[in-house]
Amino acid sequence: MTVLCVRFQLPPMYEAALPGLLGLLEEFTPVVEALPPDGALADLRGAERYFGRGAVELASVIRVRSLARYGVDCLIGAGPGPMLARMALRDARFGRTRAVPGDPAAVAEFLAERPVVALPGVGTATARTLAEYGLDTLGRVAAAPLSTLQRLVGAKTGRELHEKANGVDRGRVVPNAVSRSLAAERPFDRDELDPDRHRRALLSAAGELGARLRAVGKVCRTLTLTVRYADRSATVRSRTLAEPTAHSAALTGAAYGMYEALGLQRARVRALVLRAEGLTSAEQASHQLTFDPVDEKVRRIEEVADRVRAKFGPRAVMPGTLAA
């Protein structure tokens, strides 16, 4: 095992502790990729040789230091690559690292009975299409001919799915900084079951992110939604946007889409977090012209609203839903 996927058990509203925890991982390896709001990937290939210890042993040291320095426990998954480490994390328990051995037979056994949606990047629509043809587990997908998968889900997606189901992990840990993203958190005063209140919180968070992005001249490529529940568990979903944007309406639409896809049934939600990731300069970003007068009008109104809020405060202009 050479890659760790770590999820720190941060209390709500303590996301600011993440940079310090990333620094803890960087004591072992410089190859650390932040996974906001509460996780990270760490490539330990060099660390294993340097310290003369395996990834599981190093994971134990990381857990102890996290508790000692920050009072934060963590879940850790280990695997030969980022994909398998992420999947192992789902089976991890406090005090015990879930590890996937690197030999092909062990990887195949680990993947065989897992549902297709367990693969990172595979959504419910793709899983539903495959299930209609009896390909509901990764073992069955791995055994299916590549040509069959490509006919069902497309050439590129089919090839990637076939490789991943057979344990081929082409991902790599890309060092980054948590500062390359912006987050807006909306905690509830009490555990909230009302979907309308959830949507209003998302509308507010998306509006805040859009305004902050425009203020610093940035656009984002990816939007991540974190739903924190009453039992302290959380669900995280990410969506790559059609084009880099700081347009509040586009961010709101993406946030609503991820929320609806979760299909929450009277879930007791404690907080919602939206994070804009993959920030780049707005001046260097391209925008597809729609020739839609309504879209152009909305964007002009947004520019005027930004100037009003800058002069009179953030609550000077807001959607009617939030004002009510």
Foldseek 3Di string as FASTA:
>chain_A
DFKKKKFKLDDPPVQVCVVVLQVLLVVQPLLKADDPSGIIMHGRPVSCVVVVHDPQVVVLVSQVCCCVPPVIGMQMEEEPADQRRVLQSVVTDTPGYRYQDHDQVSLLVVQQAAFLVSGPPDAPVLLVQCVVVVRGGLNSLLPDDLVVQCVRPHNVVSVVSNCVSSPNHPDHRHDDDPVQKDKDKDFDPFQDQDVVVVLVSLLVRLVVQLLVQVVVQKWFQKKKKWWAAPVSDIDIDMDGFPFTHSQSVSSSVVVVVVVVSVVDDSTRTGMMMMMGHPMDGNVPTDDDDDPDVVVVVSVVVVVVLSVVCVPPNDVPDDDPVVVD
